[in-house]
PDB file of N, CA and C in Angstrom:
ATOM      1  N   MET A   1      49.424 117.884 193.200  1.00  0.00           N
ATOM      2  CA  MET A   1      49.260 118.053 194.637  1.00  0.00           C
ATOM      3  C   MET A   1      47.781 117.865 195.004  1.00  0.00           C
ATOM      4  N   VAL A   2      47.533 117.018 195.961  1.00  0.00           N
ATOM      5  CA  VAL A   2      46.180 116.735 196.415  1.00  0.00           C
ATOM      6  C   VAL A   2      45.749 117.807 197.415  1.00  0.00           C
ATOM      7  N   ALA A   3      44.503 118.266 197.273  1.00  0.00           N
ATOM      8  CA  ALA A   3      43.974 119.259 198.205  1.00  0.00           C
ATOM      9  C   ALA A   3      43.957 118.676 199.621  1.00  0.00           C
ATOM     10  N   LYS A   4      44.205 119.533 200.597  1.00  0.00           N
ATOM     11  CA  LYS A   4      44.298 119.097 201.996  1.00  0.00           C
ATOM     12  C   LYS A   4      43.019 118.398 202.470  1.00  0.00           C
ATOM     13  N   PHE A   5      41.849 118.908 202.061  1.00  0.00           N
ATOM     14  CA  PHE A   5      40.608 118.285 202.511  1.00  0.00           C
ATOM     15  C   PHE A   5      40.451 116.881 201.935  1.00  0.00           C
ATOM     16  N   LYS A   6      40.933 116.672 200.704  1.00  0.00           N
ATOM     17  CA  LYS A   6      40.865 115.337 200.106  1.00  0.00           C
ATOM     18  C   LYS A   6      41.850 114.389 200.790  1.00  0.00           C
ATOM     19  N   GLU A   7      43.000 114.913 201.122  1.00  0.00           N
ATOM     20  CA  GLU A   7      44.009 114.132 201.834  1.00  0.00           C
ATOM     21  C   GLU A   7      43.471 113.690 203.199  1.00  0.00           C
ATOM     22  N   THR A   8      42.822 114.612 203.892  1.00  0.00           N
ATOM     23  CA  THR A   8      42.241 114.314 205.198  1.00  0.00           C
ATOM     24  C   THR A   8      41.105 113.305 205.057  1.00  0.00           C
ATOM     25  N   PHE A   9      40.286 113.459 204.029  1.00  0.00           N
ATOM     26  CA  PHE A   9      39.205 112.514 203.763  1.00  0.00           C
ATOM     27  C   PHE A   9      39.757 111.106 203.543  1.00  0.00           C
ATOM     28  N   GLU A  10      40.775 110.995 202.700  1.00  0.00           N
ATOM     29  CA  GLU A  10      41.379 109.687 202.413  1.00  0.00           C
ATOM     30  C   GLU A  10      41.970 109.057 203.677  1.00  0.00           C
ATOM     31  N   GLU A  11      42.625 109.878 204.479  1.00  0.00           N
ATOM     32  CA  GLU A  11      43.195 109.389 205.742  1.00  0.00           C
ATOM     33  C   GLU A  11      42.095 108.842 206.654  1.00  0.00           C
ATOM     34  N   MET A  12      40.990 109.574 206.737  1.00  0.00           N
ATOM     35  CA  MET A  12      39.874 109.190 207.598  1.00  0.00           C
ATOM     36  C   MET A  12      39.245 107.871 207.140  1.00  0.00           C
ATOM     37  N   VAL A  13      38.919 107.761 205.857  1.00  0.00           N
ATOM     38  CA  VAL A  13      38.243 106.538 205.397  1.00  0.00           C
ATOM     39  C   VAL A  13      39.185 105.343 205.371  1.00  0.00           C
ATOM     40  N   THR A  14      40.472 105.582 205.252  1.00  0.00           N
ATOM     41  CA  THR A  14      41.436 104.482 205.318  1.00  0.00           C
ATOM     42  C   THR A  14      41.551 103.970 206.747  1.00  0.00           C
ATOM     43  N   LYS A  15      41.669 104.884 207.687  1.00  0.00           N
ATOM     44  CA  LYS A  15      41.811 104.490 209.094  1.00  0.00           C
ATOM     45  C   LYS A  15      40.543 103.826 209.628  1.00  0.00           C
ATOM     46  N   TYR A  16      39.395 104.318 209.199  1.00  0.00           N
ATOM     47  CA  TYR A  16      38.109 103.806 209.679  1.00  0.00           C
ATOM     48  C   TYR A  16      37.353 103.088 208.564  1.00  0.00           C
ATOM     49  N   GLU A  17      38.082 102.339 207.763  1.00  0.00           N
ATOM     50  CA  GLU A  17      37.495 101.661 206.599  1.00  0.00           C
ATOM     51  C   GLU A  17      36.336 100.741 206.995  1.00  0.00           C
ATOM     52  N   LYS A  18      36.530  99.957 208.028  1.00  0.00           N
ATOM     53  CA  LYS A  18      35.493  99.018 208.472  1.00  0.00           C
ATOM     54  C   LYS A  18      34.210  99.762 208.850  1.00  0.00           C
ATOM     55  N   GLU A  19      34.344 100.841 209.599  1.00  0.00           N
ATOM     56  CA  GLU A  19      33.186 101.617 210.035  1.00  0.00           C
ATOM     57  C   GLU A  19      32.469 102.258 208.850  1.00  0.00           C
ATOM     58  N   PHE A  20      33.238 102.841 207.930  1.00  0.00           N
ATOM     59  CA  PHE A  20      32.628 103.502 206.779  1.00  0.00           C
ATOM     60  C   PHE A  20      32.003 102.496 205.815  1.00  0.00           C
ATOM     61  N   ASP A  21      32.636 101.345 205.635  1.00  0.00           N
ATOM     62  CA  ASP A  21      32.057 100.312 204.771  1.00  0.00           C
ATOM     63  C   ASP A  21      30.726  99.822 205.337  1.00  0.00           C
ATOM     64  N   GLY A  22      30.694  99.580 206.636  1.00  0.00           N
ATOM     65  CA  GLY A  22      29.457  99.144 207.284  1.00  0.00           C
ATOM     66  C   GLY A  22      28.366 100.190 207.181  1.00  0.00           C
ATOM     67  N   PHE A  23      28.742 101.448 207.396  1.00  0.00           N
ATOM     68  CA  PHE A  23      27.748 102.513 207.318  1.00  0.00           C
ATOM     69  C   PHE A  23      27.292 102.725 205.881  1.00  0.00           C
ATOM     70  N   GLN A  24      28.165 102.509 204.917  1.00  0.00           N
ATOM     71  CA  GLN A  24      27.785 102.649 203.504  1.00  0.00           C
ATOM     72  C   GLN A  24      26.654 101.678 203.161  1.00  0.00           C
ATOM     73  N   GLU A  25      26.759 100.444 203.652  1.00  0.00           N
ATOM     74  CA  GLU A  25      25.698  99.455 203.420  1.00  0.00           C
ATOM     75  C   GLU A  25      24.384  99.916 204.044  1.00  0.00           C
ATOM     76  N   LEU A  26      24.452 100.395 205.277  1.00  0.00           N
ATOM     77  CA  LEU A  26      23.261 100.891 205.963  1.00  0.00           C
ATOM     78  C   LEU A  26      22.709 102.121 205.245  1.00  0.00           C
ATOM     79  N   HIS A  27      23.572 103.000 204.808  1.00  0.00           N
ATOM     80  CA  HIS A  27      23.182 104.200 204.072  1.00  0.00           C
ATOM     81  C   HIS A  27      22.397 103.822 202.823  1.00  0.00           C
ATOM     82  N   ASP A  28      22.879 102.813 202.102  1.00  0.00           N
ATOM     83  CA  ASP A  28      22.199 102.375 200.879  1.00  0.00           C
ATOM     84  C   ASP A  28      20.815 101.806 201.195  1.00  0.00           C
ATOM     85  N   LYS A  29      20.696 101.064 202.283  1.00  0.00           N
ATOM     86  CA  LYS A  29      19.391 100.536 202.701  1.00  0.00           C
ATOM     87  C   LYS A  29      18.464 101.684 203.092  1.00  0.00           C
ATOM     88  N   TYR A  30      19.032 102.665 203.796  1.00  0.00           N
ATOM     89  CA  TYR A  30      18.253 103.828 204.227  1.00  0.00           C
ATOM     90  C   TYR A  30      17.711 104.594 203.024  1.00  0.00           C
ATOM     91  N   GLU A  31      18.501 104.728 201.985  1.00  0.00           N
ATOM     92  CA  GLU A  31      18.035 105.433 200.784  1.00  0.00           C
ATOM     93  C   GLU A  31      16.806 104.756 200.185  1.00  0.00           C
ATOM     94  N   LEU A  32      16.763 103.430 200.250  1.00  0.00           N
ATOM     95  CA  LEU A  32      15.648 102.679 199.674  1.00  0.00           C
ATOM     96  C   LEU A  32      14.404 102.680 200.564  1.00  0.00           C
ATOM     97  N   ASP A  33      14.591 102.690 201.878  1.00  0.00           N
ATOM     98  CA  ASP A  33      13.461 102.615 202.808  1.00  0.00           C
ATOM     99  C   ASP A  33      13.785 103.375 204.104  1.00  0.00           C
ATOM    100  N   PRO A  34      13.683 104.707 204.065  1.00  0.00           N
ATOM    101  CA  PRO A  34      14.069 105.519 205.228  1.00  0.00           C
ATOM    102  C   PRO A  34      13.323 105.167 206.517  1.00  0.00           C
ATOM    103  N   ARG A  35      12.042 104.914 206.431  1.00  0.00           N
ATOM    104  CA  ARG A  35      11.264 104.625 207.646  1.00  0.00           C
ATOM    105  C   ARG A  35      11.761 103.359 208.342  1.00  0.00           C
ATOM    106  N   LYS A  36      12.050 102.342 207.570  1.00  0.00           N
ATOM    107  CA  LYS A  36      12.482 101.063 208.133  1.00  0.00           C
ATOM    108  C   LYS A  36      13.849 101.170 208.808  1.00  0.00           C
ATOM    109  N   TRP A  37      14.747 101.943 208.216  1.00  0.00           N
ATOM    110  CA  TRP A  37      16.139 101.966 208.667  1.00  0.00           C
ATOM    111  C   TRP A  37      16.507 103.201 209.492  1.00  0.00           C
ATOM    112  N   GLN A  38      15.541 104.093 209.760  1.00  0.00           N
ATOM    113  CA  GLN A  38      15.845 105.375 210.410  1.00  0.00           C
ATOM    114  C   GLN A  38      16.558 105.231 211.753  1.00  0.00           C
ATOM    115  N   ALA A  39      16.058 104.389 212.638  1.00  0.00           N
ATOM    116  CA  ALA A  39      16.643 104.277 213.984  1.00  0.00           C
ATOM    117  C   ALA A  39      18.087 103.789 213.921  1.00  0.00           C
ATOM    118  N   GLU A  40      18.326 102.746 213.152  1.00  0.00           N
ATOM    119  CA  GLU A  40      19.686 102.215 213.035  1.00  0.00           C
ATOM    120  C   GLU A  40      20.596 103.208 212.314  1.00  0.00           C
ATOM    121  N   PHE A  41      20.045 103.883 211.304  1.00  0.00           N
ATOM    122  CA  PHE A  41      20.798 104.896 210.561  1.00  0.00           C
ATOM    123  C   PHE A  41      21.245 106.012 211.498  1.00  0.00           C
ATOM    124  N   ASN A  42      20.348 106.464 212.363  1.00  0.00           N
ATOM    125  CA  ASN A  42      20.690 107.528 213.316  1.00  0.00           C
ATOM    126  C   ASN A  42      21.718 107.055 214.335  1.00  0.00           C
ATOM    127  N   SER A  43      21.541 105.846 214.833  1.00  0.00           N
ATOM    128  CA  SER A  43      22.453 105.304 215.839  1.00  0.00           C
ATOM    129  C   SER A  43      23.866 105.118 215.278  1.00  0.00           C
ATOM    130  N   GLU A  44      23.964 104.435 214.166  1.00  0.00           N
ATOM    131  CA  GLU A  44      25.275 104.211 213.543  1.00  0.00           C
ATOM    132  C   GLU A  44      25.828 105.507 212.957  1.00  0.00           C
ATOM    133  N   GLY A  45      24.937 106.350 212.465  1.00  0.00           N
ATOM    134  CA  GLY A  45      25.346 107.634 211.900  1.00  0.00           C
ATOM    135  C   GLY A  45      25.986 108.547 212.930  1.00  0.00           C
ATOM    136  N   ALA A  46      25.515 108.464 214.175  1.00  0.00           N
ATOM    137  CA  ALA A  46      26.103 109.277 215.248  1.00  0.00           C
ATOM    138  C   ALA A  46      27.571 108.915 215.438  1.00  0.00           C
ATOM    139  N   LYS A  47      27.888 107.631 215.329  1.00  0.00           N
ATOM    140  CA  LYS A  47      29.279 107.184 215.458  1.00  0.00           C
ATOM    141  C   LYS A  47      30.124 107.710 214.297  1.00  0.00           C
ATOM    142  N   ILE A  48      29.562 107.666 213.098  1.00  0.00           N
ATOM    143  CA  ILE A  48      30.267 108.168 211.913  1.00  0.00           C
ATOM    144  C   ILE A  48      30.486 109.674 212.034  1.00  0.00           C
ATOM    145  N   MET A  49      29.475 110.387 212.542  1.00  0.00           N
ATOM    146  CA  MET A  49      29.602 111.838 212.689  1.00  0.00           C
ATOM    147  C   MET A  49      30.696 112.203 213.685  1.00  0.00           C
ATOM    148  N   GLU A  50      30.889 111.405 214.720  1.00  0.00           N
ATOM    149  CA  GLU A  50      31.979 111.652 215.670  1.00  0.00           C
ATOM    150  C   GLU A  50      33.332 111.555 214.971  1.00  0.00           C
ATOM    151  N   ILE A  51      33.475 110.547 214.130  1.00  0.00           N
ATOM    152  CA  ILE A  51      34.716 110.382 213.365  1.00  0.00           C
ATOM    153  C   ILE A  51      34.907 111.575 212.437  1.00  0.00           C
ATOM    154  N   ILE A  52      33.845 111.951 211.734  1.00  0.00           N
ATOM    155  CA  ILE A  52      33.917 113.078 210.796  1.00  0.00           C
ATOM    156  C   ILE A  52      34.289 114.361 211.533  1.00  0.00           C
ATOM    157  N   ARG A  53      33.647 114.626 212.668  1.00  0.00           N
ATOM    158  CA  ARG A  53      33.950 115.846 213.440  1.00  0.00           C
ATOM    159  C   ARG A  53      35.403 115.877 213.903  1.00  0.00           C
ATOM    160  N   THR A  54      35.915 114.724 214.308  1.00  0.00           N
ATOM    161  CA  THR A  54      37.309 114.644 214.743  1.00  0.00           C
ATOM    162  C   THR A  54      38.242 115.068 213.615  1.00  0.00           C
ATOM    163  N   TYR A  55      38.004 114.556 212.432  1.00  0.00           N
ATOM    164  CA  TYR A  55      38.862 114.887 211.297  1.00  0.00           C
ATOM    165  C   TYR A  55      38.611 116.299 210.785  1.00  0.00           C
ATOM    166  N   GLU A  56      37.382 116.765 210.876  1.00  0.00           N
ATOM    167  CA  GLU A  56      37.077 118.141 210.489  1.00  0.00           C
ATOM    168  C   GLU A  56      37.801 119.111 211.422  1.00  0.00           C
ATOM    169  N   ASN A  57      37.803 118.804 212.712  1.00  0.00           N
ATOM    170  CA  ASN A  57      38.528 119.641 213.678  1.00  0.00           C
ATOM    171  C   ASN A  57      40.028 119.593 213.425  1.00  0.00           C
ATOM    172  N   LYS A  58      40.517 118.428 213.084  1.00  0.00           N
ATOM    173  CA  LYS A  58      41.937 118.268 212.760  1.00  0.00           C
ATOM    174  C   LYS A  58      42.303 119.115 211.536  1.00  0.00           C
ATOM    175  N   LEU A  59      41.396 119.144 210.567  1.00  0.00           N
ATOM    176  CA  LEU A  59      41.618 119.891 209.330  1.00  0.00           C
ATOM    177  C   LEU A  59      41.499 121.400 209.541  1.00  0.00           C
ATOM    178  N   CYS A  60      40.494 121.826 210.299  1.00  0.00           N
ATOM    179  CA  CYS A  60      40.155 123.254 210.372  1.00  0.00           C
ATOM    180  C   CYS A  60      40.259 123.888 211.756  1.00  0.00           C
ATOM    181  N   GLY A  61      40.325 123.094 212.795  1.00  0.00           N
ATOM    182  CA  GLY A  61      40.206 123.590 214.161  1.00  0.00           C
ATOM    183  C   GLY A  61      41.139 124.710 214.535  1.00  0.00           C
ATOM    184  N   HIS A  62      42.373 124.640 214.103  1.00  0.00           N
ATOM    185  CA  HIS A  62      43.352 125.655 214.489  1.00  0.00           C
ATOM    186  C   HIS A  62      43.127 126.993 213.790  1.00  0.00           C
ATOM    187  N   MET A  63      42.234 127.038 212.809  1.00  0.00           N
ATOM    188  CA  MET A  63      41.983 128.280 212.065  1.00  0.00           C
ATOM    189  C   MET A  63      40.751 129.030 212.549  1.00  0.00           C
ATOM    190  N   GLU A  64      39.911 128.375 213.349  1.00  0.00           N
ATOM    191  CA  GLU A  64      38.616 128.929 213.720  1.00  0.00           C
ATOM    192  C   GLU A  64      38.687 130.342 214.300  1.00  0.00           C
ATOM    193  N   ASN A  65      39.628 130.602 215.184  1.00  0.00           N
ATOM    194  CA  ASN A  65      39.675 131.884 215.880  1.00  0.00           C
ATOM    195  C   ASN A  65      40.754 132.810 215.331  1.00  0.00           C
ATOM    196  N   THR A  66      41.051 132.657 214.077  1.00  0.00           N
ATOM    197  CA  THR A  66      42.057 133.506 213.454  1.00  0.00           C
ATOM    198  C   THR A  66      41.425 134.281 212.316  1.00  0.00           C
ATOM    199  N   GLN A  67      42.257 135.018 211.616  1.00  0.00           N
ATOM    200  CA  GLN A  67      41.757 135.759 210.463  1.00  0.00           C
ATOM    201  C   GLN A  67      41.385 134.828 209.310  1.00  0.00           C
ATOM    202  N   ASN A  68      41.678 133.537 209.469  1.00  0.00           N
ATOM    203  CA  ASN A  68      41.350 132.551 208.445  1.00  0.00           C
ATOM    204  C   ASN A  68      40.020 131.853 208.704  1.00  0.00           C
ATOM    205  N   ALA A  69      39.161 132.418 209.530  1.00  0.00           N
ATOM    206  CA  ALA A  69      37.904 131.765 209.898  1.00  0.00           C
ATOM    207  C   ALA A  69      37.024 131.502 208.677  1.00  0.00           C
ATOM    208  N   THR A  70      36.968 132.432 207.739  1.00  0.00           N
ATOM    209  CA  THR A  70      36.173 132.229 206.524  1.00  0.00           C
ATOM    210  C   THR A  70      36.759 131.109 205.690  1.00  0.00           C
ATOM    211  N   TYR A  71      38.066 131.103 205.555  1.00  0.00           N
ATOM    212  CA  TYR A  71      38.744 130.023 204.835  1.00  0.00           C
ATOM    213  C   TYR A  71      38.462 128.685 205.508  1.00  0.00           C
ATOM    214  N   SER A  72      38.479 128.671 206.825  1.00  0.00           N
ATOM    215  CA  SER A  72      38.210 127.458 207.595  1.00  0.00           C
ATOM    216  C   SER A  72      36.807 126.937 207.316  1.00  0.00           C
ATOM    217  N   ALA A  73      35.825 127.827 207.295  1.00  0.00           N
ATOM    218  CA  ALA A  73      34.442 127.422 207.016  1.00  0.00           C
ATOM    219  C   ALA A  73      34.326 126.846 205.610  1.00  0.00           C
ATOM    220  N   ASN A  74      34.992 127.468 204.649  1.00  0.00           N
ATOM    221  CA  ASN A  74      34.967 126.964 203.272  1.00  0.00           C
ATOM    222  C   ASN A  74      35.649 125.605 203.168  1.00  0.00           C
ATOM    223  N   LEU A  75      36.734 125.437 203.890  1.00  0.00           N
ATOM    224  CA  LEU A  75      37.459 124.170 203.890  1.00  0.00           C
ATOM    225  C   LEU A  75      36.604 123.064 204.502  1.00  0.00           C
ATOM    226  N   ALA A  76      35.925 123.382 205.593  1.00  0.00           N
ATOM    227  CA  ALA A  76      35.028 122.416 206.237  1.00  0.00           C
ATOM    228  C   ALA A  76      33.903 122.023 205.287  1.00  0.00           C
ATOM    229  N   GLU A  77      33.379 122.990 204.557  1.00  0.00           N
ATOM    230  CA  GLU A  77      32.307 122.708 203.598  1.00  0.00           C
ATOM    231  C   GLU A  77      32.804 121.798 202.475  1.00  0.00           C
ATOM    232  N   LYS A  78      34.004 122.048 201.973  1.00  0.00           N
ATOM    233  CA  LYS A  78      34.578 121.190 200.932  1.00  0.00           C
ATOM    234  C   LYS A  78      34.780 119.772 201.452  1.00  0.00           C
ATOM    235  N   PHE A  79      35.226 119.653 202.691  1.00  0.00           N
ATOM    236  CA  PHE A  79      35.431 118.350 203.320  1.00  0.00           C
ATOM    237  C   PHE A  79      34.099 117.599 203.424  1.00  0.00           C
ATOM    238  N   ARG A  80      33.064 118.276 203.909  1.00  0.00           N
ATOM    239  CA  ARG A  80      31.736 117.659 204.024  1.00  0.00           C
ATOM    240  C   ARG A  80      31.188 117.276 202.651  1.00  0.00           C
ATOM    241  N   ASN A  81      31.390 118.133 201.661  1.00  0.00           N
ATOM    242  CA  ASN A  81      30.906 117.826 200.311  1.00  0.00           C
ATOM    243  C   ASN A  81      31.609 116.609 199.733  1.00  0.00           C
ATOM    244  N   GLU A  82      32.876 116.438 200.051  1.00  0.00           N
ATOM    245  CA  GLU A  82      33.612 115.250 199.601  1.00  0.00           C
ATOM    246  C   GLU A  82      32.990 113.991 200.222  1.00  0.00           C
ATOM    247  N   ILE A  83      32.634 114.067 201.481  1.00  0.00           N
ATOM    248  CA  ILE A  83      31.989 112.935 202.154  1.00  0.00           C
ATOM    249  C   ILE A  83      30.627 112.661 201.519  1.00  0.00           C
ATOM    250  N   LYS A  84      29.884 113.722 201.224  1.00  0.00           N
ATOM    251  CA  LYS A  84      28.537 113.571 200.652  1.00  0.00           C
ATOM    252  C   LYS A  84      28.555 112.987 199.239  1.00  0.00           C
ATOM    253  N   ARG A  85      29.691 113.017 198.582  1.00  0.00           N
ATOM    254  CA  ARG A  85      29.788 112.350 197.278  1.00  0.00           C
ATOM    255  C   ARG A  85      29.550 110.852 197.443  1.00  0.00           C
ATOM    256  N   TYR A  86      29.926 110.320 198.599  1.00  0.00           N
ATOM    257  CA  TYR A  86      29.783 108.892 198.878  1.00  0.00           C
ATOM    258  C   TYR A  86      28.583 108.591 199.776  1.00  0.00           C
ATOM    259  N   LEU A  87      28.249 109.536 200.622  1.00  0.00           N
ATOM    260  CA  LEU A  87      27.130 109.378 201.561  1.00  0.00           C
ATOM    261  C   LEU A  87      26.186 110.569 201.416  1.00  0.00           C
ATOM    262  N   PRO A  88      25.391 110.620 200.341  1.00  0.00           N
ATOM    263  CA  PRO A  88      24.553 111.800 200.093  1.00  0.00           C
ATOM    264  C   PRO A  88      23.511 112.081 201.174  1.00  0.00           C
ATOM    265  N   LYS A  89      23.133 111.086 201.949  1.00  0.00           N
ATOM    266  CA  LYS A  89      22.133 111.282 203.009  1.00  0.00           C
ATOM    267  C   LYS A  89      22.767 111.628 204.357  1.00  0.00           C
ATOM    268  N   LEU A  90      24.011 112.025 204.353  1.00  0.00           N
ATOM    269  CA  LEU A  90      24.736 112.357 205.581  1.00  0.00           C
ATOM    270  C   LEU A  90      23.968 113.343 206.462  1.00  0.00           C
ATOM    271  N   ASP A  91      23.347 114.336 205.854  1.00  0.00           N
ATOM    272  CA  ASP A  91      22.628 115.354 206.620  1.00  0.00           C
ATOM    273  C   ASP A  91      21.344 114.829 207.261  1.00  0.00           C
ATOM    274  N   MET A  92      20.943 113.619 206.911  1.00  0.00           N
ATOM    275  CA  MET A  92      19.730 113.031 207.488  1.00  0.00           C
ATOM    276  C   MET A  92      20.002 112.303 208.803  1.00  0.00           C
ATOM    277  N   ILE A  93      21.263 112.205 209.184  1.00  0.00           N
ATOM    278  CA  ILE A  93      21.594 111.559 210.457  1.00  0.00           C
ATOM    279  C   ILE A  93      21.001 112.392 211.592  1.00  0.00           C
ATOM    280  N   GLY A  94      20.222 111.736 212.436  1.00  0.00           N
ATOM    281  CA  GLY A  94      19.590 112.416 213.560  1.00  0.00           C
ATOM    282  C   GLY A  94      18.192 112.927 213.269  1.00  0.00           C
ATOM    283  N   VAL A  95      17.785 112.898 212.009  1.00  0.00           N
ATOM    284  CA  VAL A  95      16.458 113.358 211.615  1.00  0.00           C
ATOM    285  C   VAL A  95      15.473 112.207 211.788  1.00  0.00           C
ATOM    286  N   THR A  96      14.268 112.522 212.222  1.00  0.00           N
ATOM    287  CA  THR A  96      13.226 111.507 212.337  1.00  0.00           C
ATOM    288  C   THR A  96      12.254 111.676 211.183  1.00  0.00           C
ATOM    289  N   VAL A  97      12.093 110.609 210.407  1.00  0.00           N
ATOM    290  CA  VAL A  97      11.164 110.627 209.279  1.00  0.00           C
ATOM    291  C   VAL A  97       9.806 110.176 209.791  1.00  0.00           C
ATOM    292  N   GLY A  98       8.775 111.004 209.547  1.00  0.00           N
ATOM    293  CA  GLY A  98       7.447 110.730 210.090  1.00  0.00           C
ATOM    294  C   GLY A  98       6.643 109.706 209.415  1.00  0.00           C
TER     295      GLY A  98
END
């Protein structure tokens, strides 16, 4: 049995394969030269974050205001960590490198 967060991750990257593939290329360029690619990384990253938030809400949203709020936070963290396995600089979206 596949964990729900992994199932949701697979659904997301399958549905938005073109967007994630394009961002993966940009992500790799950003890793090599953050200053050069920062603006485009932030711009395209904002679009990716919208997709991620949509699926994160789909995965955890209904649990937020229940007794499962802690479980929901842990599930969201596992989901984000699964994404970071492929996009380790995910948390740099929106950050300005000086």
